[in-house]
């Protein structure tokens, strides 16, 4: 009887030890040196072959524990062919989950807030050389097809403002049409139904809100400042004043393919309805991609009497001073121009 009890005790200890070893093997993050490399899993590779390969690469901590898991508890796991990049450290269960989902190597495309369609087309061509080869002009022609956004904005003449700024992972062979479609879909995901209702209460169309948001986007990098910028825009519109936003002149220069990185007097005098230095009211459409924060600012402007702003040269951090009178603004403008002259020298 004592021998039997001892045998049972040994079995319990062995089972507990095995369970603990399995748990640690599967759930403990394992460090490896392949995190910057792509590991290719060929079509037709067997589960045992895949496990052996990943163990030999140092990505799996235990080949034996992984095989036991798959034969006992992981029978539903189906490993997909593809090109994988495994972070380090990583658990065995996370590796198996990635293999179950499947992963082809992708190219990361980052579209910053405030990028114009011209900037986006240039980056797309650089990241995704098309086959057959496609020029920036051809990509821009695709962006001039507003059918993708016509259900949201019947007034849109192109995709400007609706190519949502974000970081995307696309297949290496992604076409320009596919990329544009995904960016527009991302915009629609981020536009909420309550935004449409809020725009209606402001007596503005979604098209006008995105246009205002694009102006805000190009004028301020600070979320807390954007509703104040929005208030200046609304106050000027109410007074029938020109908006005087220089980035609209930059946009005209980009449209006319003559932007060289510097705002010239000829840019500020350009005879285009987009030029808010010359024409009153909103430009015909957005002048850049817009973030959700800029959309929210356009929908919820601060309540102020400000109709002017100028860069805060004391802080020199791209923030602004705001003014409600021309006299105050002229003083701030003089300080800015003095600072600018010093920077040029």
C-alpha atoms as a PDB file:
ATOM      1  CA  UNK A   1       0.000   0.000   0.000  1.00  0.00           C
ATOM      2  CA  UNK A   2       2.817   2.383   0.860  1.00  0.00           C
ATOM      3  CA  UNK A   3       4.474   1.598  -2.463  1.00  0.00           C
ATOM      4  CA  UNK A   4       1.233   2.397  -4.321  1.00  0.00           C
ATOM      5  CA  UNK A   5       0.806   5.693  -2.491  1.00  0.00           C
ATOM      6  CA  UNK A   6       4.388   6.603  -3.242  1.00  0.00           C
ATOM      7  CA  UNK A   7       3.889   5.729  -6.909  1.00  0.00           C
ATOM      8  CA  UNK A   8       0.759   7.880  -7.049  1.00  0.00           C
ATOM      9  CA  UNK A   9       2.667  10.705  -5.372  1.00  0.00           C
ATOM     10  CA  UNK A  10       5.449  10.430  -7.961  1.00  0.00           C
ATOM     11  CA  UNK A  11       2.885  10.479 -10.773  1.00  0.00           C
ATOM     12  CA  UNK A  12       1.260  13.617  -9.333  1.00  0.00           C
ATOM     13  CA  UNK A  13       4.636  15.295  -8.994  1.00  0.00           C
ATOM     14  CA  UNK A  14       5.554  14.297 -12.552  1.00  0.00           C
ATOM     15  CA  UNK A  15       2.242  15.573 -13.970  1.00  0.00           C
ATOM     16  CA  UNK A  16       2.552  18.833 -12.027  1.00  0.00           C
ATOM     17  CA  UNK A  17       6.148  19.282 -13.174  1.00  0.00           C
ATOM     18  CA  UNK A  18       5.212  18.524 -16.786  1.00  0.00           C
ATOM     19  CA  UNK A  19       2.254  20.910 -16.659  1.00  0.00           C
ATOM     20  CA  UNK A  20       4.431  23.652 -15.212  1.00  0.00           C
ATOM     21  CA  UNK A  21       7.090  23.081 -17.886  1.00  0.00           C
ATOM     22  CA  UNK A  22       4.476  23.153 -20.659  1.00  0.00           C
ATOM     23  CA  UNK A  23       2.894  26.318 -19.284  1.00  0.00           C
ATOM     24  CA  UNK A  24       6.230  28.100 -19.081  1.00  0.00           C
ATOM     25  CA  UNK A  25       7.298  26.911 -22.524  1.00  0.00           C
ATOM     26  CA  UNK A  26       4.106  28.204 -24.111  1.00  0.00           C
ATOM     27  CA  UNK A  27       3.523  31.423 -22.146  1.00  0.00           C
ATOM     28  CA  UNK A  28       6.941  32.815 -21.206  1.00  0.00           C
ATOM     29  CA  UNK A  29       8.149  35.510 -23.649  1.00  0.00           C
ATOM     30  CA  UNK A  30      11.239  34.225 -25.443  1.00  0.00           C
ATOM     31  CA  UNK A  31      13.973  36.554 -26.722  1.00  0.00           C
ATOM     32  CA  UNK A  32      15.496  35.947 -30.160  1.00  0.00           C
ATOM     33  CA  UNK A  33      17.651  37.878 -32.653  1.00  0.00           C
ATOM     34  CA  UNK A  34      15.445  37.544 -35.753  1.00  0.00           C
ATOM     35  CA  UNK A  35      13.002  40.384 -35.020  1.00  0.00           C
ATOM     36  CA  UNK A  36      14.302  42.494 -37.925  1.00  0.00           C
ATOM     37  CA  UNK A  37      14.116  39.651 -40.430  1.00  0.00           C
ATOM     38  CA  UNK A  38      11.278  38.092 -42.398  1.00  0.00           C
ATOM     39  CA  UNK A  39      10.848  34.338 -41.957  1.00  0.00           C
ATOM     40  CA  UNK A  40       9.257  32.664 -44.954  1.00  0.00           C
ATOM     41  CA  UNK A  41       6.902  29.751 -44.449  1.00  0.00           C
ATOM     42  CA  UNK A  42       6.509  27.905 -47.733  1.00  0.00           C
ATOM     43  CA  UNK A  43       3.180  26.597 -49.023  1.00  0.00           C
ATOM     44  CA  UNK A  44       2.798  22.917 -48.275  1.00  0.00           C
ATOM     45  CA  UNK A  45       5.139  22.979 -45.276  1.00  0.00           C
ATOM     46  CA  UNK A  46       4.061  20.530 -42.541  1.00  0.00           C
ATOM     47  CA  UNK A  47       3.374  21.714 -38.979  1.00  0.00           C
ATOM     48  CA  UNK A  48       6.345  19.707 -37.712  1.00  0.00           C
ATOM     49  CA  UNK A  49       8.553  21.203 -40.392  1.00  0.00           C
ATOM     50  CA  UNK A  50       7.417  24.740 -39.534  1.00  0.00           C
ATOM     51  CA  UNK A  51       8.008  24.185 -35.814  1.00  0.00           C
ATOM     52  CA  UNK A  52      11.460  22.719 -36.447  1.00  0.00           C
ATOM     53  CA  UNK A  53      12.386  25.704 -38.635  1.00  0.00           C
ATOM     54  CA  UNK A  54      11.243  28.288 -36.085  1.00  0.00           C
ATOM     55  CA  UNK A  55      12.975  26.432 -33.257  1.00  0.00           C
ATOM     56  CA  UNK A  56      16.221  26.313 -35.233  1.00  0.00           C
ATOM     57  CA  UNK A  57      15.908  30.081 -35.825  1.00  0.00           C
ATOM     58  CA  UNK A  58      15.582  30.571 -32.062  1.00  0.00           C
ATOM     59  CA  UNK A  59      12.042  31.955 -32.301  1.00  0.00           C
ATOM     60  CA  UNK A  60      10.453  29.060 -30.389  1.00  0.00           C
ATOM     61  CA  UNK A  61      11.874  28.247 -26.973  1.00  0.00           C
ATOM     62  CA  UNK A  62      11.005  24.534 -27.140  1.00  0.00           C
ATOM     63  CA  UNK A  63      10.343  22.468 -30.249  1.00  0.00           C
ATOM     64  CA  UNK A  64       9.170  19.499 -28.167  1.00  0.00           C
ATOM     65  CA  UNK A  65       6.713  21.505 -26.040  1.00  0.00           C
ATOM     66  CA  UNK A  66       5.232  23.134 -29.149  1.00  0.00           C
ATOM     67  CA  UNK A  67       4.726  19.780 -30.893  1.00  0.00           C
ATOM     68  CA  UNK A  68       3.122  18.269 -27.786  1.00  0.00           C
ATOM     69  CA  UNK A  69       0.773  21.269 -27.518  1.00  0.00           C
ATOM     70  CA  UNK A  70      -0.314  20.971 -31.152  1.00  0.00           C
ATOM     71  CA  UNK A  71      -0.946  17.216 -30.852  1.00  0.00           C
ATOM     72  CA  UNK A  72      -2.973  17.552 -27.652  1.00  0.00           C
ATOM     73  CA  UNK A  73      -4.557  20.988 -27.253  1.00  0.00           C
ATOM     74  CA  UNK A  74      -3.838  22.788 -30.500  1.00  0.00           C
ATOM     75  CA  UNK A  75      -5.434  20.434 -32.978  1.00  0.00           C
ATOM     76  CA  UNK A  76      -7.518  23.255 -34.522  1.00  0.00           C
ATOM     77  CA  UNK A  77      -4.456  25.371 -35.332  1.00  0.00           C
ATOM     78  CA  UNK A  78      -3.898  25.692 -39.085  1.00  0.00           C
ATOM     79  CA  UNK A  79      -0.574  27.227 -40.051  1.00  0.00           C
ATOM     80  CA  UNK A  80      -0.612  29.564 -43.032  1.00  0.00           C
ATOM     81  CA  UNK A  81       2.140  30.115 -45.557  1.00  0.00           C
ATOM     82  CA  UNK A  82       3.525  33.634 -45.685  1.00  0.00           C
ATOM     83  CA  UNK A  83       6.347  35.946 -44.683  1.00  0.00           C
ATOM     84  CA  UNK A  84       6.428  36.640 -40.955  1.00  0.00           C
ATOM     85  CA  UNK A  85       8.252  39.092 -38.764  1.00  0.00           C
ATOM     86  CA  UNK A  86       8.209  37.920 -35.138  1.00  0.00           C
ATOM     87  CA  UNK A  87       8.744  40.511 -32.427  1.00  0.00           C
ATOM     88  CA  UNK A  88      11.170  39.799 -29.609  1.00  0.00           C
ATOM     89  CA  UNK A  89      10.460  38.715 -26.939  1.00  0.00           C
ATOM     90  CA  UNK A  90       7.455  36.636 -28.003  1.00  0.00           C
ATOM     91  CA  UNK A  91       5.573  33.689 -26.514  1.00  0.00           C
ATOM     92  CA  UNK A  92       5.086  30.390 -28.307  1.00  0.00           C
ATOM     93  CA  UNK A  93       1.295  30.837 -28.193  1.00  0.00           C
ATOM     94  CA  UNK A  94       1.629  34.252 -29.871  1.00  0.00           C
ATOM     95  CA  UNK A  95       3.800  32.716 -32.603  1.00  0.00           C
ATOM     96  CA  UNK A  96       1.162  30.037 -33.227  1.00  0.00           C
ATOM     97  CA  UNK A  97      -1.592  32.663 -33.304  1.00  0.00           C
ATOM     98  CA  UNK A  98       0.293  34.647 -35.955  1.00  0.00           C
ATOM     99  CA  UNK A  99       0.851  31.491 -38.003  1.00  0.00           C
ATOM    100  CA  UNK A 100      -2.858  30.723 -37.783  1.00  0.00           C
ATOM    101  CA  UNK A 101      -3.832  34.162 -39.140  1.00  0.00           C
ATOM    102  CA  UNK A 102      -1.284  34.159 -41.952  1.00  0.00           C
ATOM    103  CA  UNK A 103       0.899  37.089 -42.943  1.00  0.00           C
ATOM    104  CA  UNK A 104       2.377  38.248 -46.222  1.00  0.00           C
ATOM    105  CA  UNK A 105       5.165  40.785 -46.189  1.00  0.00           C
ATOM    106  CA  UNK A 106       3.744  44.279 -46.369  1.00  0.00           C
ATOM    107  CA  UNK A 107       5.018  47.773 -47.026  1.00  0.00           C
ATOM    108  CA  UNK A 108       4.235  50.425 -44.433  1.00  0.00           C
ATOM    109  CA  UNK A 109       2.855  53.699 -45.787  1.00  0.00           C
ATOM    110  CA  UNK A 110       2.597  56.643 -43.410  1.00  0.00           C
ATOM    111  CA  UNK A 111       0.457  59.615 -44.438  1.00  0.00           C
ATOM    112  CA  UNK A 112       1.019  62.526 -42.009  1.00  0.00           C
ATOM    113  CA  UNK A 113      -1.773  64.880 -41.064  1.00  0.00           C
ATOM    114  CA  UNK A 114      -1.790  67.877 -43.390  1.00  0.00           C
ATOM    115  CA  UNK A 115      -0.403  66.055 -46.434  1.00  0.00           C
ATOM    116  CA  UNK A 116      -1.971  67.160 -49.716  1.00  0.00           C
ATOM    117  CA  UNK A 117      -2.928  64.731 -52.464  1.00  0.00           C
ATOM    118  CA  UNK A 118       0.202  65.903 -54.284  1.00  0.00           C
ATOM    119  CA  UNK A 119       2.356  64.906 -51.310  1.00  0.00           C
ATOM    120  CA  UNK A 120       0.507  61.600 -51.008  1.00  0.00           C
ATOM    121  CA  UNK A 121       0.914  60.768 -54.710  1.00  0.00           C
ATOM    122  CA  UNK A 122       4.643  61.429 -54.487  1.00  0.00           C
ATOM    123  CA  UNK A 123       5.011  59.156 -51.446  1.00  0.00           C
ATOM    124  CA  UNK A 124       2.887  56.416 -52.996  1.00  0.00           C
ATOM    125  CA  UNK A 125       5.051  56.291 -56.111  1.00  0.00           C
ATOM    126  CA  UNK A 126       8.220  56.181 -54.006  1.00  0.00           C
ATOM    127  CA  UNK A 127       6.905  53.344 -51.815  1.00  0.00           C
ATOM    128  CA  UNK A 128       4.986  51.353 -54.407  1.00  0.00           C
ATOM    129  CA  UNK A 129       6.539  51.351 -57.893  1.00  0.00           C
ATOM    130  CA  UNK A 130       3.626  50.301 -60.080  1.00  0.00           C
ATOM    131  CA  UNK A 131       3.789  47.574 -62.703  1.00  0.00           C
ATOM    132  CA  UNK A 132       3.271  48.795 -65.336  1.00  0.00           C
ATOM    133  CA  UNK A 133       5.052  51.955 -64.211  1.00  0.00           C
ATOM    134  CA  UNK A 134       2.792  54.826 -63.198  1.00  0.00           C
ATOM    135  CA  UNK A 135       3.690  58.507 -62.905  1.00  0.00           C
ATOM    136  CA  UNK A 136       2.651  60.918 -60.162  1.00  0.00           C
ATOM    137  CA  UNK A 137       0.408  62.594 -62.703  1.00  0.00           C
ATOM    138  CA  UNK A 138      -1.382  59.302 -63.366  1.00  0.00           C
ATOM    139  CA  UNK A 139      -1.908  58.747 -59.628  1.00  0.00           C
ATOM    140  CA  UNK A 140      -3.256  62.298 -59.303  1.00  0.00           C
ATOM    141  CA  UNK A 141      -5.645  61.568 -62.166  1.00  0.00           C
ATOM    142  CA  UNK A 142      -6.984  58.648 -60.117  1.00  0.00           C
ATOM    143  CA  UNK A 143      -7.417  61.008 -57.161  1.00  0.00           C
ATOM    144  CA  UNK A 144      -9.497  63.299 -59.348  1.00  0.00           C
ATOM    145  CA  UNK A 145     -12.146  60.588 -59.618  1.00  0.00           C
ATOM    146  CA  UNK A 146     -14.462  61.585 -56.780  1.00  0.00           C
ATOM    147  CA  UNK A 147     -16.838  58.632 -57.175  1.00  0.00           C
ATOM    148  CA  UNK A 148     -15.402  56.929 -54.067  1.00  0.00           C
ATOM    149  CA  UNK A 149     -16.583  59.815 -51.881  1.00  0.00           C
ATOM    150  CA  UNK A 150     -19.693  60.930 -53.813  1.00  0.00           C
ATOM    151  CA  UNK A 151     -22.028  59.235 -51.315  1.00  0.00           C
ATOM    152  CA  UNK A 152     -20.536  61.351 -48.529  1.00  0.00           C
ATOM    153  CA  UNK A 153     -19.731  64.541 -50.438  1.00  0.00           C
ATOM    154  CA  UNK A 154     -21.538  65.020 -53.761  1.00  0.00           C
ATOM    155  CA  UNK A 155     -19.718  68.371 -54.138  1.00  0.00           C
ATOM    156  CA  UNK A 156     -16.231  66.825 -54.068  1.00  0.00           C
ATOM    157  CA  UNK A 157     -14.220  67.318 -57.255  1.00  0.00           C
ATOM    158  CA  UNK A 158     -11.329  65.114 -56.116  1.00  0.00           C
ATOM    159  CA  UNK A 159     -10.095  63.068 -53.157  1.00  0.00           C
ATOM    160  CA  UNK A 160      -8.433  65.995 -51.346  1.00  0.00           C
ATOM    161  CA  UNK A 161      -9.333  65.891 -47.653  1.00  0.00           C
ATOM    162  CA  UNK A 162     -10.671  62.338 -47.856  1.00  0.00           C
ATOM    163  CA  UNK A 163      -7.381  60.399 -47.973  1.00  0.00           C
ATOM    164  CA  UNK A 164      -7.201  59.723 -44.263  1.00  0.00           C
ATOM    165  CA  UNK A 165      -3.846  60.403 -42.584  1.00  0.00           C
ATOM    166  CA  UNK A 166      -2.649  57.255 -40.833  1.00  0.00           C
ATOM    167  CA  UNK A 167      -0.073  54.458 -41.012  1.00  0.00           C
ATOM    168  CA  UNK A 168      -1.101  51.632 -43.331  1.00  0.00           C
ATOM    169  CA  UNK A 169       0.365  48.208 -44.093  1.00  0.00           C
ATOM    170  CA  UNK A 170      -0.239  47.307 -47.727  1.00  0.00           C
ATOM    171  CA  UNK A 171       0.759  44.240 -49.770  1.00  0.00           C
ATOM    172  CA  UNK A 172       3.932  44.834 -51.778  1.00  0.00           C
ATOM    173  CA  UNK A 173       1.992  44.625 -55.032  1.00  0.00           C
ATOM    174  CA  UNK A 174      -0.779  47.014 -53.928  1.00  0.00           C
ATOM    175  CA  UNK A 175      -2.070  49.145 -56.789  1.00  0.00           C
ATOM    176  CA  UNK A 176      -2.608  52.880 -56.574  1.00  0.00           C
ATOM    177  CA  UNK A 177      -6.355  52.309 -56.957  1.00  0.00           C
ATOM    178  CA  UNK A 178      -6.366  49.894 -54.008  1.00  0.00           C
ATOM    179  CA  UNK A 179      -4.366  52.267 -51.766  1.00  0.00           C
ATOM    180  CA  UNK A 180      -6.599  55.250 -52.564  1.00  0.00           C
ATOM    181  CA  UNK A 181      -9.724  53.173 -51.883  1.00  0.00           C
ATOM    182  CA  UNK A 182      -8.399  52.038 -48.475  1.00  0.00           C
ATOM    183  CA  UNK A 183      -7.553  55.598 -47.425  1.00  0.00           C
ATOM    184  CA  UNK A 184     -11.037  56.812 -48.361  1.00  0.00           C
ATOM    185  CA  UNK A 185     -12.593  53.889 -46.475  1.00  0.00           C
ATOM    186  CA  UNK A 186     -10.514  54.834 -43.428  1.00  0.00           C
ATOM    187  CA  UNK A 187     -11.847  58.389 -43.658  1.00  0.00           C
ATOM    188  CA  UNK A 188     -15.430  57.116 -43.705  1.00  0.00           C
ATOM    189  CA  UNK A 189     -14.742  54.917 -40.666  1.00  0.00           C
ATOM    190  CA  UNK A 190     -13.536  57.957 -38.728  1.00  0.00           C
ATOM    191  CA  UNK A 191     -16.437  60.235 -39.701  1.00  0.00           C
ATOM    192  CA  UNK A 192     -19.189  59.664 -37.140  1.00  0.00           C
ATOM    193  CA  UNK A 193     -22.904  60.131 -37.748  1.00  0.00           C
ATOM    194  CA  UNK A 194     -23.067  62.756 -35.004  1.00  0.00           C
ATOM    195  CA  UNK A 195     -20.587  64.845 -36.980  1.00  0.00           C
ATOM    196  CA  UNK A 196     -23.142  65.171 -39.778  1.00  0.00           C
ATOM    197  CA  UNK A 197     -25.784  66.303 -37.288  1.00  0.00           C
ATOM    198  CA  UNK A 198     -23.389  68.776 -35.667  1.00  0.00           C
ATOM    199  CA  UNK A 199     -22.504  70.195 -39.106  1.00  0.00           C
ATOM    200  CA  UNK A 200     -26.208  70.640 -39.832  1.00  0.00           C
ATOM    201  CA  UNK A 201     -26.661  72.602 -36.598  1.00  0.00           C
ATOM    202  CA  UNK A 202     -23.787  74.851 -37.650  1.00  0.00           C
ATOM    203  CA  UNK A 203     -25.548  75.292 -41.016  1.00  0.00           C
ATOM    204  CA  UNK A 204     -22.541  73.776 -42.742  1.00  0.00           C
ATOM    205  CA  UNK A 205     -22.258  70.826 -45.105  1.00  0.00           C
ATOM    206  CA  UNK A 206     -19.793  67.993 -44.417  1.00  0.00           C
ATOM    207  CA  UNK A 207     -17.847  69.305 -47.432  1.00  0.00           C
ATOM    208  CA  UNK A 208     -17.494  72.710 -45.756  1.00  0.00           C
ATOM    209  CA  UNK A 209     -16.523  71.140 -42.432  1.00  0.00           C
ATOM    210  CA  UNK A 210     -13.736  69.113 -44.045  1.00  0.00           C
ATOM    211  CA  UNK A 211     -12.594  72.244 -45.885  1.00  0.00           C
ATOM    212  CA  UNK A 212     -12.452  74.196 -42.609  1.00  0.00           C
ATOM    213  CA  UNK A 213     -10.731  71.253 -40.889  1.00  0.00           C
ATOM    214  CA  UNK A 214      -8.051  71.236 -43.600  1.00  0.00           C
ATOM    215  CA  UNK A 215      -7.374  74.932 -43.002  1.00  0.00           C
ATOM    216  CA  UNK A 216      -7.078  74.285 -39.273  1.00  0.00           C
ATOM    217  CA  UNK A 217      -4.790  71.304 -39.947  1.00  0.00           C
ATOM    218  CA  UNK A 218      -2.313  73.416 -41.901  1.00  0.00           C
ATOM    219  CA  UNK A 219      -2.364  76.295 -39.402  1.00  0.00           C
ATOM    220  CA  UNK A 220      -1.714  74.613 -36.055  1.00  0.00           C
ATOM    221  CA  UNK A 221      -0.007  71.499 -34.748  1.00  0.00           C
ATOM    222  CA  UNK A 222      -1.508  71.837 -31.244  1.00  0.00           C
ATOM    223  CA  UNK A 223      -4.826  70.168 -30.447  1.00  0.00           C
ATOM    224  CA  UNK A 224      -5.659  72.695 -27.709  1.00  0.00           C
ATOM    225  CA  UNK A 225      -5.127  75.571 -30.155  1.00  0.00           C
ATOM    226  CA  UNK A 226      -7.195  74.217 -33.025  1.00  0.00           C
ATOM    227  CA  UNK A 227     -10.641  75.226 -31.703  1.00  0.00           C
ATOM    228  CA  UNK A 228      -9.297  78.779 -31.314  1.00  0.00           C
ATOM    229  CA  UNK A 229      -8.029  78.748 -34.917  1.00  0.00           C
ATOM    230  CA  UNK A 230     -11.501  77.512 -35.870  1.00  0.00           C
ATOM    231  CA  UNK A 231     -13.078  80.455 -34.041  1.00  0.00           C
ATOM    232  CA  UNK A 232     -10.953  82.904 -36.053  1.00  0.00           C
ATOM    233  CA  UNK A 233     -12.081  81.261 -39.299  1.00  0.00           C
ATOM    234  CA  UNK A 234     -15.769  81.394 -38.319  1.00  0.00           C
ATOM    235  CA  UNK A 235     -15.475  84.963 -37.032  1.00  0.00           C
ATOM    236  CA  UNK A 236     -13.881  86.105 -40.276  1.00  0.00           C
ATOM    237  CA  UNK A 237     -16.467  84.313 -42.377  1.00  0.00           C
ATOM    238  CA  UNK A 238     -19.232  85.970 -40.366  1.00  0.00           C
ATOM    239  CA  UNK A 239     -17.684  89.419 -40.903  1.00  0.00           C
ATOM    240  CA  UNK A 240     -17.133  88.792 -44.634  1.00  0.00           C
ATOM    241  CA  UNK A 241     -13.363  89.116 -44.211  1.00  0.00           C
ATOM    242  CA  UNK A 242     -10.803  87.297 -46.313  1.00  0.00           C
ATOM    243  CA  UNK A 243      -9.409  84.344 -44.371  1.00  0.00           C
ATOM    244  CA  UNK A 244      -5.859  85.269 -45.406  1.00  0.00           C
ATOM    245  CA  UNK A 245      -4.450  81.765 -44.835  1.00  0.00           C
ATOM    246  CA  UNK A 246      -1.107  81.503 -46.624  1.00  0.00           C
ATOM    247  CA  UNK A 247      -1.291  77.718 -46.911  1.00  0.00           C
ATOM    248  CA  UNK A 248      -4.063  78.146 -49.456  1.00  0.00           C
ATOM    249  CA  UNK A 249      -1.554  80.007 -51.652  1.00  0.00           C
ATOM    250  CA  UNK A 250       0.882  77.126 -51.135  1.00  0.00           C
ATOM    251  CA  UNK A 251      -1.851  74.736 -52.234  1.00  0.00           C
ATOM    252  CA  UNK A 252      -2.418  76.748 -55.401  1.00  0.00           C
ATOM    253  CA  UNK A 253       1.313  76.566 -56.158  1.00  0.00           C
ATOM    254  CA  UNK A 254       1.199  72.771 -55.713  1.00  0.00           C
ATOM    255  CA  UNK A 255      -1.847  72.510 -57.976  1.00  0.00           C
ATOM    256  CA  UNK A 256      -0.007  74.501 -60.629  1.00  0.00           C
ATOM    257  CA  UNK A 257       3.160  72.418 -60.145  1.00  0.00           C
ATOM    258  CA  UNK A 258       5.357  75.389 -59.228  1.00  0.00           C
ATOM    259  CA  UNK A 259       5.812  74.978 -55.469  1.00  0.00           C
ATOM    260  CA  UNK A 260       9.516  75.278 -54.574  1.00  0.00           C
ATOM    261  CA  UNK A 261       9.267  75.333 -50.790  1.00  0.00           C
ATOM    262  CA  UNK A 262       9.062  79.134 -50.446  1.00  0.00           C
ATOM    263  CA  UNK A 263       5.992  81.392 -50.494  1.00  0.00           C
ATOM    264  CA  UNK A 264       6.559  84.120 -53.085  1.00  0.00           C
ATOM    265  CA  UNK A 265       4.592  87.333 -53.543  1.00  0.00           C
ATOM    266  CA  UNK A 266       3.298  85.889 -56.818  1.00  0.00           C
ATOM    267  CA  UNK A 267       1.836  82.959 -54.828  1.00  0.00           C
ATOM    268  CA  UNK A 268      -0.058  85.337 -52.525  1.00  0.00           C
ATOM    269  CA  UNK A 269      -1.431  87.151 -55.568  1.00  0.00           C
ATOM    270  CA  UNK A 270      -2.419  83.995 -57.488  1.00  0.00           C
ATOM    271  CA  UNK A 271      -5.778  84.355 -59.229  1.00  0.00           C
ATOM    272  CA  UNK A 272      -7.320  81.158 -57.876  1.00  0.00           C
ATOM    273  CA  UNK A 273     -10.503  80.714 -55.808  1.00  0.00           C
ATOM    274  CA  UNK A 274      -8.356  78.651 -53.424  1.00  0.00           C
ATOM    275  CA  UNK A 275      -6.285  81.740 -52.598  1.00  0.00           C
ATOM    276  CA  UNK A 276      -7.876  83.103 -49.416  1.00  0.00           C
ATOM    277  CA  UNK A 277      -5.525  86.094 -49.545  1.00  0.00           C
ATOM    278  CA  UNK A 278      -7.381  87.292 -52.622  1.00  0.00           C
ATOM    279  CA  UNK A 279     -10.901  85.874 -52.356  1.00  0.00           C
ATOM    280  CA  UNK A 280     -13.386  85.951 -49.475  1.00  0.00           C
ATOM    281  CA  UNK A 281     -15.165  82.896 -48.137  1.00  0.00           C
ATOM    282  CA  UNK A 282     -14.003  79.315 -47.998  1.00  0.00           C
ATOM    283  CA  UNK A 283     -11.885  77.830 -50.776  1.00  0.00           C
ATOM    284  CA  UNK A 284     -13.767  75.483 -53.146  1.00  0.00           C
ATOM    285  CA  UNK A 285     -12.634  72.424 -51.212  1.00  0.00           C
ATOM    286  CA  UNK A 286     -10.154  70.978 -48.694  1.00  0.00           C
ATOM    287  CA  UNK A 287      -6.450  71.765 -49.070  1.00  0.00           C
ATOM    288  CA  UNK A 288      -5.029  68.783 -47.153  1.00  0.00           C
ATOM    289  CA  UNK A 289      -5.766  65.526 -45.399  1.00  0.00           C
ATOM    290  CA  UNK A 290      -7.369  66.081 -42.014  1.00  0.00           C
ATOM    291  CA  UNK A 291      -7.081  64.472 -38.598  1.00  0.00           C
ATOM    292  CA  UNK A 292     -10.036  63.709 -36.367  1.00  0.00           C
ATOM    293  CA  UNK A 293      -8.918  66.465 -33.977  1.00  0.00           C
ATOM    294  CA  UNK A 294      -9.124  69.066 -36.731  1.00  0.00           C
ATOM    295  CA  UNK A 295     -12.568  67.792 -37.716  1.00  0.00           C
ATOM    296  CA  UNK A 296     -13.676  68.106 -34.088  1.00  0.00           C
ATOM    297  CA  UNK A 297     -12.276  71.653 -33.936  1.00  0.00           C
ATOM    298  CA  UNK A 298     -14.144  72.608 -37.118  1.00  0.00           C
ATOM    299  CA  UNK A 299     -17.351  71.244 -35.582  1.00  0.00           C
ATOM    300  CA  UNK A 300     -16.741  72.781 -32.160  1.00  0.00           C
ATOM    301  CA  UNK A 301     -15.017  76.159 -32.528  1.00  0.00           C
ATOM    302  CA  UNK A 302     -14.103  78.033 -29.369  1.00  0.00           C
ATOM    303  CA  UNK A 303     -16.218  81.063 -28.496  1.00  0.00           C
ATOM    304  CA  UNK A 304     -13.926  84.073 -28.971  1.00  0.00           C
ATOM    305  CA  UNK A 305     -13.759  87.531 -30.515  1.00  0.00           C
ATOM    306  CA  UNK A 306     -10.441  86.783 -32.194  1.00  0.00           C
ATOM    307  CA  UNK A 307     -10.038  87.614 -35.854  1.00  0.00           C
ATOM    308  CA  UNK A 308      -6.237  87.604 -36.088  1.00  0.00           C
ATOM    309  CA  UNK A 309      -3.339  85.404 -35.045  1.00  0.00           C
ATOM    310  CA  UNK A 310       0.398  85.387 -35.544  1.00  0.00           C
ATOM    311  CA  UNK A 311       3.232  83.061 -34.553  1.00  0.00           C
ATOM    312  CA  UNK A 312       4.377  83.291 -30.941  1.00  0.00           C
ATOM    313  CA  UNK A 313       8.014  84.297 -31.457  1.00  0.00           C
ATOM    314  CA  UNK A 314       8.744  84.364 -27.734  1.00  0.00           C
ATOM    315  CA  UNK A 315       8.089  80.654 -27.421  1.00  0.00           C
ATOM    316  CA  UNK A 316       9.267  79.836 -30.973  1.00  0.00           C
ATOM    317  CA  UNK A 317       7.358  76.546 -30.939  1.00  0.00           C
ATOM    318  CA  UNK A 318       4.887  77.169 -33.796  1.00  0.00           C
ATOM    319  CA  UNK A 319       2.144  78.222 -31.351  1.00  0.00           C
ATOM    320  CA  UNK A 320       0.239  81.476 -31.870  1.00  0.00           C
ATOM    321  CA  UNK A 321      -0.843  84.744 -30.281  1.00  0.00           C
ATOM    322  CA  UNK A 322      -4.493  85.634 -30.930  1.00  0.00           C
ATOM    323  CA  UNK A 323      -5.973  89.131 -31.258  1.00  0.00           C
ATOM    324  CA  UNK A 324      -9.414  90.688 -31.503  1.00  0.00           C
ATOM    325  CA  UNK A 325      -8.276  94.112 -32.756  1.00  0.00           C
ATOM    326  CA  UNK A 326      -6.178  95.274 -35.696  1.00  0.00           C
ATOM    327  CA  UNK A 327      -4.040  97.452 -33.400  1.00  0.00           C
ATOM    328  CA  UNK A 328      -3.018  94.512 -31.214  1.00  0.00           C
ATOM    329  CA  UNK A 329      -2.429  92.387 -34.276  1.00  0.00           C
ATOM    330  CA  UNK A 330      -0.156  94.993 -35.892  1.00  0.00           C
ATOM    331  CA  UNK A 331       2.035  95.022 -32.785  1.00  0.00           C
ATOM    332  CA  UNK A 332       2.246  91.229 -32.806  1.00  0.00           C
ATOM    333  CA  UNK A 333       2.897  91.213 -36.528  1.00  0.00           C
ATOM    334  CA  UNK A 334       5.713  93.763 -36.153  1.00  0.00           C
ATOM    335  CA  UNK A 335       7.353  91.582 -33.482  1.00  0.00           C
ATOM    336  CA  UNK A 336       7.033  88.558 -35.766  1.00  0.00           C
ATOM    337  CA  UNK A 337       8.519  90.373 -38.767  1.00  0.00           C
ATOM    338  CA  UNK A 338      11.429  91.637 -36.650  1.00  0.00           C
ATOM    339  CA  UNK A 339      12.073  88.091 -35.432  1.00  0.00           C
ATOM    340  CA  UNK A 340      11.802  86.756 -38.981  1.00  0.00           C
ATOM    341  CA  UNK A 341      14.352  89.250 -40.244  1.00  0.00           C
ATOM    342  CA  UNK A 342      16.781  88.122 -37.554  1.00  0.00           C
ATOM    343  CA  UNK A 343      16.245  84.491 -38.533  1.00  0.00           C
ATOM    344  CA  UNK A 344      16.996  85.304 -42.157  1.00  0.00           C
ATOM    345  CA  UNK A 345      20.208  87.099 -41.230  1.00  0.00           C
END
